[in-house]
Amino acid sequence: MPKSPKGSRREREFLEFLTKKGFVVHRVAGSGLKGEAICDLVAVKKGKVHFIECKSRKKTYYSKFHLDQFKELIRIAKKCKAKPVLAVKLNYKDWQIFDLNKGIPEKVE
């Protein structure tokens, strides 16, 4: 699934947000391209690693592809002792951040 300009812009926006919060953040090359990368961002703060998937959309619908992507992120993060995180930006709303260890959110407002 090719990366959209909006998606890339949102990833950079969230990277800047986390950097201001004291995280060291790296944007993953190849994220969004044919499932080659496990997440969009890797963020570290106080020795804790976070694997972050960013989504930007009009409404909260996740296709089977996205649900499978989240499950794989959770699986790999667990192996690496990292925290799997979903960051969602709905149009005209603030970022919402979800710990995927607690489950995949059904509803984002």
PDB file of N, CA and C in Angstrom:
ATOM      1  N   MET A   1       0.855  -1.179   0.000  1.00  0.00           N
ATOM      2  CA  MET A   1       0.000   0.000   0.000  1.00  0.00           C
ATOM      3  C   MET A   1       0.898   1.239   0.000  1.00  0.00           C
ATOM      4  N   PRO A   2       0.885   2.054  -1.041  1.00  0.00           N
ATOM      5  CA  PRO A   2       1.777   3.199  -1.129  1.00  0.00           C
ATOM      6  C   PRO A   2       1.479   4.255  -0.078  1.00  0.00           C
ATOM      7  N   LYS A   3       2.517   4.918   0.318  1.00  0.00           N
ATOM      8  CA  LYS A   3       2.413   5.973   1.320  1.00  0.00           C
ATOM      9  C   LYS A   3       1.834   7.223   0.679  1.00  0.00           C
ATOM     10  N   SER A   4       0.853   7.817   1.342  1.00  0.00           N
ATOM     11  CA  SER A   4       0.258   9.041   0.809  1.00  0.00           C
ATOM     12  C   SER A   4       1.011  10.252   1.333  1.00  0.00           C
ATOM     13  N   PRO A   5       0.982  11.360   0.599  1.00  0.00           N
ATOM     14  CA  PRO A   5       1.628  12.580   1.093  1.00  0.00           C
ATOM     15  C   PRO A   5       1.033  13.016   2.435  1.00  0.00           C
ATOM     16  N   LYS A   6      -0.283  12.862   2.594  1.00  0.00           N
ATOM     17  CA  LYS A   6      -0.926  13.241   3.855  1.00  0.00           C
ATOM     18  C   LYS A   6      -0.405  12.362   4.992  1.00  0.00           C
ATOM     19  N   GLY A   7      -0.278  11.067   4.733  1.00  0.00           N
ATOM     20  CA  GLY A   7       0.218  10.152   5.758  1.00  0.00           C
ATOM     21  C   GLY A   7       1.637  10.496   6.178  1.00  0.00           C
ATOM     22  N   SER A   8       2.488  10.774   5.228  1.00  0.00           N
ATOM     23  CA  SER A   8       3.879  11.145   5.517  1.00  0.00           C
ATOM     24  C   SER A   8       3.939  12.446   6.303  1.00  0.00           C
ATOM     25  N   ARG A   9       3.098  13.391   5.915  1.00  0.00           N
ATOM     26  CA  ARG A   9       3.053  14.681   6.618  1.00  0.00           C
ATOM     27  C   ARG A   9       2.623  14.488   8.068  1.00  0.00           C
ATOM     28  N   ARG A  10       1.619  13.636   8.275  1.00  0.00           N
ATOM     29  CA  ARG A  10       1.144  13.366   9.644  1.00  0.00           C
ATOM     30  C   ARG A  10       2.211  12.658  10.472  1.00  0.00           C
ATOM     31  N   GLU A  11       2.962  11.753   9.861  1.00  0.00           N
ATOM     32  CA  GLU A  11       4.050  11.084  10.580  1.00  0.00           C
ATOM     33  C   GLU A  11       5.077  12.112  11.048  1.00  0.00           C
ATOM     34  N   ARG A  12       5.449  13.028  10.170  1.00  0.00           N
ATOM     35  CA  ARG A  12       6.413  14.070  10.552  1.00  0.00           C
ATOM     36  C   ARG A  12       5.837  14.977  11.633  1.00  0.00           C
ATOM     37  N   GLU A  13       4.548  15.269  11.546  1.00  0.00           N
ATOM     38  CA  GLU A  13       3.875  16.084  12.558  1.00  0.00           C
ATOM     39  C   GLU A  13       3.926  15.387  13.926  1.00  0.00           C
ATOM     40  N   PHE A  14       3.647  14.080  13.952  1.00  0.00           N
ATOM     41  CA  PHE A  14       3.664  13.350  15.215  1.00  0.00           C
ATOM     42  C   PHE A  14       5.091  13.193  15.733  1.00  0.00           C
ATOM     43  N   LEU A  15       6.055  13.041  14.836  1.00  0.00           N
ATOM     44  CA  LEU A  15       7.459  12.991  15.230  1.00  0.00           C
ATOM     45  C   LEU A  15       7.840  14.275  15.966  1.00  0.00           C
ATOM     46  N   GLU A  16       7.447  15.408  15.416  1.00  0.00           N
ATOM     47  CA  GLU A  16       7.737  16.698  16.053  1.00  0.00           C
ATOM     48  C   GLU A  16       7.047  16.810  17.408  1.00  0.00           C
ATOM     49  N   PHE A  17       5.808  16.352  17.500  1.00  0.00           N
ATOM     50  CA  PHE A  17       5.045  16.351  18.751  1.00  0.00           C
ATOM     51  C   PHE A  17       5.798  15.563  19.833  1.00  0.00           C
ATOM     52  N   LEU A  18       6.259  14.361  19.475  1.00  0.00           N
ATOM     53  CA  LEU A  18       6.967  13.520  20.441  1.00  0.00           C
ATOM     54  C   LEU A  18       8.319  14.113  20.825  1.00  0.00           C
ATOM     55  N   THR A  19       9.019  14.694  19.857  1.00  0.00           N
ATOM     56  CA  THR A  19      10.315  15.307  20.122  1.00  0.00           C
ATOM     57  C   THR A  19      10.166  16.422  21.164  1.00  0.00           C
ATOM     58  N   LYS A  20       9.114  17.217  21.044  1.00  0.00           N
ATOM     59  CA  LYS A  20       8.858  18.289  22.011  1.00  0.00           C
ATOM     60  C   LYS A  20       8.543  17.738  23.395  1.00  0.00           C
ATOM     61  N   LYS A  21       8.092  16.481  23.460  1.00  0.00           N
ATOM     62  CA  LYS A  21       7.781  15.825  24.739  1.00  0.00           C
ATOM     63  C   LYS A  21       9.005  15.104  25.315  1.00  0.00           C
ATOM     64  N   GLY A  22      10.167  15.249  24.660  1.00  0.00           N
ATOM     65  CA  GLY A  22      11.395  14.677  25.188  1.00  0.00           C
ATOM     66  C   GLY A  22      11.771  13.305  24.666  1.00  0.00           C
ATOM     67  N   PHE A  23      11.078  12.814  23.655  1.00  0.00           N
ATOM     68  CA  PHE A  23      11.418  11.531  23.045  1.00  0.00           C
ATOM     69  C   PHE A  23      12.521  11.732  22.008  1.00  0.00           C
ATOM     70  N   VAL A  24      13.318  10.706  21.809  1.00  0.00           N
ATOM     71  CA  VAL A  24      14.201  10.631  20.661  1.00  0.00           C
ATOM     72  C   VAL A  24      13.426   9.785  19.657  1.00  0.00           C
ATOM     73  N   VAL A  25      13.198  10.339  18.463  1.00  0.00           N
ATOM     74  CA  VAL A  25      12.290   9.687  17.510  1.00  0.00           C
ATOM     75  C   VAL A  25      12.979   9.514  16.159  1.00  0.00           C
ATOM     76  N   HIS A  26      12.723   8.346  15.541  1.00  0.00           N
ATOM     77  CA  HIS A  26      13.235   8.064  14.210  1.00  0.00           C
ATOM     78  C   HIS A  26      12.066   7.653  13.330  1.00  0.00           C
ATOM     79  N   ARG A  27      11.968   8.260  12.172  1.00  0.00           N
ATOM     80  CA  ARG A  27      10.947   7.875  11.198  1.00  0.00           C
ATOM     81  C   ARG A  27      11.487   6.714  10.384  1.00  0.00           C
ATOM     82  N   VAL A  28      10.726   5.646  10.283  1.00  0.00           N
ATOM     83  CA  VAL A  28      11.188   4.408   9.664  1.00  0.00           C
ATOM     84  C   VAL A  28      11.080   4.492   8.141  1.00  0.00           C
ATOM     85  N   ALA A  29      12.188   4.229   7.470  1.00  0.00           N
ATOM     86  CA  ALA A  29      12.195   4.207   6.005  1.00  0.00           C
ATOM     87  C   ALA A  29      11.372   3.028   5.517  1.00  0.00           C
ATOM     88  N   GLY A  30      10.581   3.256   4.503  1.00  0.00           N
ATOM     89  CA  GLY A  30       9.807   2.177   3.909  1.00  0.00           C
ATOM     90  C   GLY A  30       8.506   1.872   4.611  1.00  0.00           C
ATOM     91  N   SER A  31       8.160   2.626   5.647  1.00  0.00           N
ATOM     92  CA  SER A  31       6.886   2.359   6.318  1.00  0.00           C
ATOM     93  C   SER A  31       5.757   2.640   5.337  1.00  0.00           C
ATOM     94  N   GLY A  32       4.769   1.782   5.358  1.00  0.00           N
ATOM     95  CA  GLY A  32       3.632   1.941   4.465  1.00  0.00           C
ATOM     96  C   GLY A  32       3.831   1.340   3.083  1.00  0.00           C
ATOM     97  N   LEU A  33       5.009   0.813   2.802  1.00  0.00           N
ATOM     98  CA  LEU A  33       5.285   0.248   1.482  1.00  0.00           C
ATOM     99  C   LEU A  33       5.295  -1.272   1.548  1.00  0.00           C
ATOM    100  N   LYS A  34       4.224  -1.883   1.078  1.00  0.00           N
ATOM    101  CA  LYS A  34       4.133  -3.333   0.966  1.00  0.00           C
ATOM    102  C   LYS A  34       4.396  -4.068   2.277  1.00  0.00           C
ATOM    103  N   GLY A  35       4.163  -3.424   3.395  1.00  0.00           N
ATOM    104  CA  GLY A  35       4.314  -4.085   4.684  1.00  0.00           C
ATOM    105  C   GLY A  35       5.743  -4.422   5.057  1.00  0.00           C
ATOM    106  N   GLU A  36       6.729  -3.755   4.452  1.00  0.00           N
ATOM    107  CA  GLU A  36       8.129  -4.070   4.734  1.00  0.00           C
ATOM    108  C   GLU A  36       8.589  -3.567   6.095  1.00  0.00           C
ATOM    109  N   ALA A  37       8.056  -2.476   6.570  1.00  0.00           N
ATOM    110  CA  ALA A  37       8.435  -1.937   7.867  1.00  0.00           C
ATOM    111  C   ALA A  37       7.314  -2.227   8.859  1.00  0.00           C
ATOM    112  N   ILE A  38       7.674  -2.482  10.088  1.00  0.00           N
ATOM    113  CA  ILE A  38       6.685  -2.873  11.099  1.00  0.00           C
ATOM    114  C   ILE A  38       5.913  -1.668  11.650  1.00  0.00           C
ATOM    115  N   CYS A  39       6.513  -0.478  11.588  1.00  0.00           N
ATOM    116  CA  CYS A  39       5.840   0.707  12.134  1.00  0.00           C
ATOM    117  C   CYS A  39       6.326   1.956  11.393  1.00  0.00           C
ATOM    118  N   ASP A  40       5.729   3.090  11.733  1.00  0.00           N
ATOM    119  CA  ASP A  40       6.100   4.353  11.103  1.00  0.00           C
ATOM    120  C   ASP A  40       7.206   5.080  11.856  1.00  0.00           C
ATOM    121  N   LEU A  41       7.149   5.007  13.182  1.00  0.00           N
ATOM    122  CA  LEU A  41       8.112   5.717  14.031  1.00  0.00           C
ATOM    123  C   LEU A  41       8.612   4.795  15.135  1.00  0.00           C
ATOM    124  N   VAL A  42       9.874   5.003  15.521  1.00  0.00           N
ATOM    125  CA  VAL A  42      10.419   4.366  16.716  1.00  0.00           C
ATOM    126  C   VAL A  42      10.799   5.508  17.642  1.00  0.00           C
ATOM    127  N   ALA A  43      10.246   5.485  18.852  1.00  0.00           N
ATOM    128  CA  ALA A  43      10.492   6.567  19.809  1.00  0.00           C
ATOM    129  C   ALA A  43      11.033   5.972  21.105  1.00  0.00           C
ATOM    130  N   VAL A  44      12.012   6.673  21.697  1.00  0.00           N
ATOM    131  CA  VAL A  44      12.627   6.205  22.932  1.00  0.00           C
ATOM    132  C   VAL A  44      12.637   7.346  23.944  1.00  0.00           C
ATOM    133  N   LYS A  45      12.256   7.022  25.168  1.00  0.00           N
ATOM    134  CA  LYS A  45      12.327   7.989  26.261  1.00  0.00           C
ATOM    135  C   LYS A  45      12.565   7.215  27.547  1.00  0.00           C
ATOM    136  N   LYS A  46      13.575   7.636  28.294  1.00  0.00           N
ATOM    137  CA  LYS A  46      13.925   7.001  29.571  1.00  0.00           C
ATOM    138  C   LYS A  46      14.128   5.495  29.411  1.00  0.00           C
ATOM    139  N   GLY A  47      14.754   5.104  28.308  1.00  0.00           N
ATOM    140  CA  GLY A  47      15.074   3.707  28.069  1.00  0.00           C
ATOM    141  C   GLY A  47      13.922   2.848  27.597  1.00  0.00           C
ATOM    142  N   LYS A  48      12.742   3.424  27.433  1.00  0.00           N
ATOM    143  CA  LYS A  48      11.577   2.662  26.961  1.00  0.00           C
ATOM    144  C   LYS A  48      11.378   2.909  25.467  1.00  0.00           C
ATOM    145  N   VAL A  49      11.241   1.808  24.731  1.00  0.00           N
ATOM    146  CA  VAL A  49      11.103   1.875  23.276  1.00  0.00           C
ATOM    147  C   VAL A  49       9.632   1.740  22.903  1.00  0.00           C
ATOM    148  N   HIS A  50       9.191   2.589  21.975  1.00  0.00           N
ATOM    149  CA  HIS A  50       7.816   2.574  21.477  1.00  0.00           C
ATOM    150  C   HIS A  50       7.846   2.389  19.965  1.00  0.00           C
ATOM    151  N   PHE A  51       7.097   1.398  19.474  1.00  0.00           N
ATOM    152  CA  PHE A  51       6.892   1.226  18.031  1.00  0.00           C
ATOM    153  C   PHE A  51       5.544   1.863  17.721  1.00  0.00           C
ATOM    154  N   ILE A  52       5.538   2.878  16.868  1.00  0.00           N
ATOM    155  CA  ILE A  52       4.340   3.682  16.657  1.00  0.00           C
ATOM    156  C   ILE A  52       3.855   3.600  15.218  1.00  0.00           C
ATOM    157  N   GLU A  53       2.581   3.295  15.078  1.00  0.00           N
ATOM    158  CA  GLU A  53       1.903   3.323  13.781  1.00  0.00           C
ATOM    159  C   GLU A  53       1.005   4.558  13.778  1.00  0.00           C
ATOM    160  N   CYS A  54       1.151   5.415  12.767  1.00  0.00           N
ATOM    161  CA  CYS A  54       0.349   6.631  12.654  1.00  0.00           C
ATOM    162  C   CYS A  54      -0.730   6.437  11.599  1.00  0.00           C
ATOM    163  N   LYS A  55      -1.925   6.872  11.930  1.00  0.00           N
ATOM    164  CA  LYS A  55      -3.040   6.834  10.980  1.00  0.00           C
ATOM    165  C   LYS A  55      -3.702   8.198  10.959  1.00  0.00           C
ATOM    166  N   SER A  56      -4.014   8.652   9.756  1.00  0.00           N
ATOM    167  CA  SER A  56      -4.714   9.920   9.574  1.00  0.00           C
ATOM    168  C   SER A  56      -5.903   9.630   8.671  1.00  0.00           C
ATOM    169  N   ARG A  57      -7.091  10.007   9.139  1.00  0.00           N
ATOM    170  CA  ARG A  57      -8.288   9.665   8.357  1.00  0.00           C
ATOM    171  C   ARG A  57      -9.456  10.565   8.696  1.00  0.00           C
ATOM    172  N   LYS A  58     -10.505  10.414   7.906  1.00  0.00           N
ATOM    173  CA  LYS A  58     -11.733  11.171   8.130  1.00  0.00           C
ATOM    174  C   LYS A  58     -12.601  10.516   9.190  1.00  0.00           C
ATOM    175  N   LYS A  59     -12.588   9.189   9.223  1.00  0.00           N
ATOM    176  CA  LYS A  59     -13.421   8.457  10.184  1.00  0.00           C
ATOM    177  C   LYS A  59     -12.662   7.228  10.663  1.00  0.00           C
ATOM    178  N   THR A  60     -13.179   6.578  11.672  1.00  0.00           N
ATOM    179  CA  THR A  60     -12.479   5.444  12.266  1.00  0.00           C
ATOM    180  C   THR A  60     -12.919   4.127  11.676  1.00  0.00           C
ATOM    181  N   TYR A  61     -12.381   3.836  10.544  1.00  0.00           N
ATOM    182  CA  TYR A  61     -12.616   2.532   9.936  1.00  0.00           C
ATOM    183  C   TYR A  61     -11.248   1.911   9.672  1.00  0.00           C
ATOM    184  N   TYR A  62     -11.093   0.666  10.083  1.00  0.00           N
ATOM    185  CA  TYR A  62      -9.847  -0.048   9.821  1.00  0.00           C
ATOM    186  C   TYR A  62     -10.158  -1.266   8.968  1.00  0.00           C
ATOM    187  N   SER A  63      -9.506  -1.370   7.844  1.00  0.00           N
ATOM    188  CA  SER A  63      -9.689  -2.518   6.958  1.00  0.00           C
ATOM    189  C   SER A  63      -9.027  -3.746   7.582  1.00  0.00           C
ATOM    190  N   LYS A  64      -9.291  -4.904   7.000  1.00  0.00           N
ATOM    191  CA  LYS A  64      -8.649  -6.131   7.456  1.00  0.00           C
ATOM    192  C   LYS A  64      -7.132  -5.989   7.357  1.00  0.00           C
ATOM    193  N   PHE A  65      -6.650  -5.327   6.304  1.00  0.00           N
ATOM    194  CA  PHE A  65      -5.212  -5.088   6.159  1.00  0.00           C
ATOM    195  C   PHE A  65      -4.663  -4.354   7.380  1.00  0.00           C
ATOM    196  N   HIS A  66      -5.350  -3.269   7.804  1.00  0.00           N
ATOM    197  CA  HIS A  66      -4.879  -2.497   8.950  1.00  0.00           C
ATOM    198  C   HIS A  66      -4.952  -3.304  10.242  1.00  0.00           C
ATOM    199  N   LEU A  67      -6.021  -4.058  10.434  1.00  0.00           N
ATOM    200  CA  LEU A  67      -6.142  -4.875  11.640  1.00  0.00           C
ATOM    201  C   LEU A  67      -5.024  -5.910  11.700  1.00  0.00           C
ATOM    202  N   ASP A  68      -4.715  -6.521  10.568  1.00  0.00           N
ATOM    203  CA  ASP A  68      -3.598  -7.479  10.518  1.00  0.00           C
ATOM    204  C   ASP A  68      -2.273  -6.771  10.794  1.00  0.00           C
ATOM    205  N   GLN A  69      -2.136  -5.565  10.275  1.00  0.00           N
ATOM    206  CA  GLN A  69      -0.928  -4.761  10.502  1.00  0.00           C
ATOM    207  C   GLN A  69      -0.755  -4.473  11.996  1.00  0.00           C
ATOM    208  N   PHE A  70      -1.831  -4.096  12.679  1.00  0.00           N
ATOM    209  CA  PHE A  70      -1.768  -3.811  14.114  1.00  0.00           C
ATOM    210  C   PHE A  70      -1.395  -5.068  14.894  1.00  0.00           C
ATOM    211  N   LYS A  71      -1.972  -6.202  14.530  1.00  0.00           N
ATOM    212  CA  LYS A  71      -1.669  -7.467  15.220  1.00  0.00           C
ATOM    213  C   LYS A  71      -0.202  -7.840  15.049  1.00  0.00           C
ATOM    214  N   GLU A  72       0.333  -7.633  13.866  1.00  0.00           N
ATOM    215  CA  GLU A  72       1.745  -7.920  13.624  1.00  0.00           C
ATOM    216  C   GLU A  72       2.631  -6.957  14.411  1.00  0.00           C
ATOM    217  N   LEU A  73       2.241  -5.696  14.487  1.00  0.00           N
ATOM    218  CA  LEU A  73       2.982  -4.717  15.286  1.00  0.00           C
ATOM    219  C   LEU A  73       3.025  -5.149  16.747  1.00  0.00           C
ATOM    220  N   ILE A  74       1.897  -5.586  17.281  1.00  0.00           N
ATOM    221  CA  ILE A  74       1.834  -6.053  18.666  1.00  0.00           C
ATOM    222  C   ILE A  74       2.762  -7.255  18.863  1.00  0.00           C
ATOM    223  N   ARG A  75       2.722  -8.186  17.934  1.00  0.00           N
ATOM    224  CA  ARG A  75       3.534  -9.404  18.037  1.00  0.00           C
ATOM    225  C   ARG A  75       5.033  -9.078  18.036  1.00  0.00           C
ATOM    226  N   ILE A  76       5.459  -8.249  17.088  1.00  0.00           N
ATOM    227  CA  ILE A  76       6.881  -7.896  16.975  1.00  0.00           C
ATOM    228  C   ILE A  76       7.329  -7.056  18.165  1.00  0.00           C
ATOM    229  N   ALA A  77       6.495  -6.118  18.579  1.00  0.00           N
ATOM    230  CA  ALA A  77       6.850  -5.273  19.725  1.00  0.00           C
ATOM    231  C   ALA A  77       7.059  -6.124  20.968  1.00  0.00           C
ATOM    232  N   LYS A  78       6.210  -7.107  21.164  1.00  0.00           N
ATOM    233  CA  LYS A  78       6.341  -7.996  22.317  1.00  0.00           C
ATOM    234  C   LYS A  78       7.681  -8.728  22.280  1.00  0.00           C
ATOM    235  N   LYS A  79       8.053  -9.225  21.104  1.00  0.00           N
ATOM    236  CA  LYS A  79       9.336  -9.912  20.937  1.00  0.00           C
ATOM    237  C   LYS A  79      10.509  -9.003  21.278  1.00  0.00           C
ATOM    238  N   CYS A  80      10.371  -7.716  20.939  1.00  0.00           N
ATOM    239  CA  CYS A  80      11.447  -6.740  21.127  1.00  0.00           C
ATOM    240  C   CYS A  80      11.358  -6.008  22.465  1.00  0.00           C
ATOM    241  N   LYS A  81      10.361  -6.348  23.268  1.00  0.00           N
ATOM    242  CA  LYS A  81      10.110  -5.673  24.549  1.00  0.00           C
ATOM    243  C   LYS A  81       9.880  -4.174  24.355  1.00  0.00           C
ATOM    244  N   ALA A  82       9.174  -3.850  23.265  1.00  0.00           N
ATOM    245  CA  ALA A  82       8.805  -2.464  22.973  1.00  0.00           C
ATOM    246  C   ALA A  82       7.302  -2.314  23.198  1.00  0.00           C
ATOM    247  N   LYS A  83       6.862  -1.085  23.314  1.00  0.00           N
ATOM    248  CA  LYS A  83       5.435  -0.798  23.493  1.00  0.00           C
ATOM    249  C   LYS A  83       4.817  -0.496  22.124  1.00  0.00           C
ATOM    250  N   PRO A  84       3.793  -1.250  21.707  1.00  0.00           N
ATOM    251  CA  PRO A  84       3.127  -0.962  20.435  1.00  0.00           C
ATOM    252  C   PRO A  84       2.095   0.151  20.624  1.00  0.00           C
ATOM    253  N   VAL A  85       2.190   1.168  19.788  1.00  0.00           N
ATOM    254  CA  VAL A  85       1.335   2.352  19.953  1.00  0.00           C
ATOM    255  C   VAL A  85       0.669   2.684  18.620  1.00  0.00           C
ATOM    256  N   LEU A  86      -0.595   3.063  18.706  1.00  0.00           N
ATOM    257  CA  LEU A  86      -1.335   3.569  17.559  1.00  0.00           C
ATOM    258  C   LEU A  86      -1.637   5.040  17.818  1.00  0.00           C
ATOM    259  N   ALA A  87      -1.207   5.905  16.897  1.00  0.00           N
ATOM    260  CA  ALA A  87      -1.494   7.337  16.992  1.00  0.00           C
ATOM    261  C   ALA A  87      -2.447   7.678  15.850  1.00  0.00           C
ATOM    262  N   VAL A  88      -3.628   8.201  16.200  1.00  0.00           N
ATOM    263  CA  VAL A  88      -4.660   8.479  15.210  1.00  0.00           C
ATOM    264  C   VAL A  88      -4.974   9.965  15.200  1.00  0.00           C
ATOM    265  N   LYS A  89      -5.005  10.516  14.005  1.00  0.00           N
ATOM    266  CA  LYS A  89      -5.365  11.924  13.816  1.00  0.00           C
ATOM    267  C   LYS A  89      -6.573  11.974  12.901  1.00  0.00           C
ATOM    268  N   LEU A  90      -7.740  12.195  13.486  1.00  0.00           N
ATOM    269  CA  LEU A  90      -8.939  12.410  12.680  1.00  0.00           C
ATOM    270  C   LEU A  90      -8.932  13.866  12.212  1.00  0.00           C
ATOM    271  N   ASN A  91      -9.499  14.117  11.058  1.00  0.00           N
ATOM    272  CA  ASN A  91      -9.525  15.482  10.533  1.00  0.00           C
ATOM    273  C   ASN A  91     -10.098  16.458  11.562  1.00  0.00           C
ATOM    274  N   TYR A  92      -9.394  17.555  11.767  1.00  0.00           N
ATOM    275  CA  TYR A  92      -9.811  18.657  12.644  1.00  0.00           C
ATOM    276  C   TYR A  92      -9.883  18.271  14.123  1.00  0.00           C
ATOM    277  N   LYS A  93      -9.212  17.206  14.526  1.00  0.00           N
ATOM    278  CA  LYS A  93      -9.190  16.774  15.928  1.00  0.00           C
ATOM    279  C   LYS A  93      -7.741  16.626  16.366  1.00  0.00           C
ATOM    280  N   ASP A  94      -7.548  16.518  17.683  1.00  0.00           N
ATOM    281  CA  ASP A  94      -6.214  16.303  18.242  1.00  0.00           C
ATOM    282  C   ASP A  94      -5.791  14.850  18.053  1.00  0.00           C
ATOM    283  N   TRP A  95      -4.503  14.613  18.198  1.00  0.00           N
ATOM    284  CA  TRP A  95      -3.980  13.257  18.150  1.00  0.00           C
ATOM    285  C   TRP A  95      -4.574  12.439  19.286  1.00  0.00           C
ATOM    286  N   GLN A  96      -4.887  11.195  19.006  1.00  0.00           N
ATOM    287  CA  GLN A  96      -5.308  10.243  20.022  1.00  0.00           C
ATOM    288  C   GLN A  96      -4.288   9.110  20.020  1.00  0.00           C
ATOM    289  N   ILE A  97      -3.844   8.733  21.199  1.00  0.00           N
ATOM    290  CA  ILE A  97      -2.762   7.765  21.324  1.00  0.00           C
ATOM    291  C   ILE A  97      -3.273   6.557  22.091  1.00  0.00           C
ATOM    292  N   PHE A  98      -3.043   5.368  21.513  1.00  0.00           N
ATOM    293  CA  PHE A  98      -3.540   4.125  22.104  1.00  0.00           C
ATOM    294  C   PHE A  98      -2.403   3.132  22.311  1.00  0.00           C
ATOM    295  N   ASP A  99      -2.350   2.546  23.500  1.00  0.00           N
ATOM    296  CA  ASP A  99      -1.430   1.467  23.810  1.00  0.00           C
ATOM    297  C   ASP A  99      -2.062   0.190  23.262  1.00  0.00           C
ATOM    298  N   LEU A 100      -1.486  -0.385  22.221  1.00  0.00           N
ATOM    299  CA  LEU A 100      -2.073  -1.559  21.590  1.00  0.00           C
ATOM    300  C   LEU A 100      -1.968  -2.814  22.455  1.00  0.00           C
ATOM    301  N   ASN A 101      -1.167  -2.766  23.519  1.00  0.00           N
ATOM    302  CA  ASN A 101      -1.151  -3.884  24.465  1.00  0.00           C
ATOM    303  C   ASN A 101      -2.504  -4.014  25.160  1.00  0.00           C
ATOM    304  N   LYS A 102      -3.252  -2.925  25.177  1.00  0.00           N
ATOM    305  CA  LYS A 102      -4.576  -2.921  25.815  1.00  0.00           C
ATOM    306  C   LYS A 102      -5.681  -3.239  24.818  1.00  0.00           C
ATOM    307  N   GLY A 103      -5.310  -3.527  23.573  1.00  0.00           N
ATOM    308  CA  GLY A 103      -6.278  -3.865  22.545  1.00  0.00           C
ATOM    309  C   GLY A 103      -6.345  -2.811  21.459  1.00  0.00           C
ATOM    310  N   ILE A 104      -6.911  -3.211  20.341  1.00  0.00           N
ATOM    311  CA  ILE A 104      -7.092  -2.311  19.202  1.00  0.00           C
ATOM    312  C   ILE A 104      -8.377  -1.533  19.424  1.00  0.00           C
ATOM    313  N   PRO A 105      -8.311  -0.195  19.395  1.00  0.00           N
ATOM    314  CA  PRO A 105      -9.527   0.598  19.659  1.00  0.00           C
ATOM    315  C   PRO A 105     -10.589   0.389  18.585  1.00  0.00           C
ATOM    316  N   GLU A 106     -11.786   0.165  19.040  1.00  0.00           N
ATOM    317  CA  GLU A 106     -12.901   0.015  18.094  1.00  0.00           C
ATOM    318  C   GLU A 106     -13.433   1.361  17.656  1.00  0.00           C
ATOM    319  N   LYS A 107     -13.344   2.345  18.560  1.00  0.00           N
ATOM    320  CA  LYS A 107     -13.907   3.653  18.281  1.00  0.00           C
ATOM    321  C   LYS A 107     -12.905   4.735  18.624  1.00  0.00           C
ATOM    322  N   VAL A 108     -12.749   5.657  17.708  1.00  0.00           N
ATOM    323  CA  VAL A 108     -11.908   6.829  17.906  1.00  0.00           C
ATOM    324  C   VAL A 108     -12.787   8.031  17.652  1.00  0.00           C
ATOM    325  N   GLU A 109     -12.759   8.970  18.567  1.00  0.00           N
ATOM    326  CA  GLU A 109     -13.644  10.142  18.416  1.00  0.00           C
ATOM    327  C   GLU A 109     -12.856  11.408  18.186  1.00  0.00           C
TER     328      GLU A 109
END
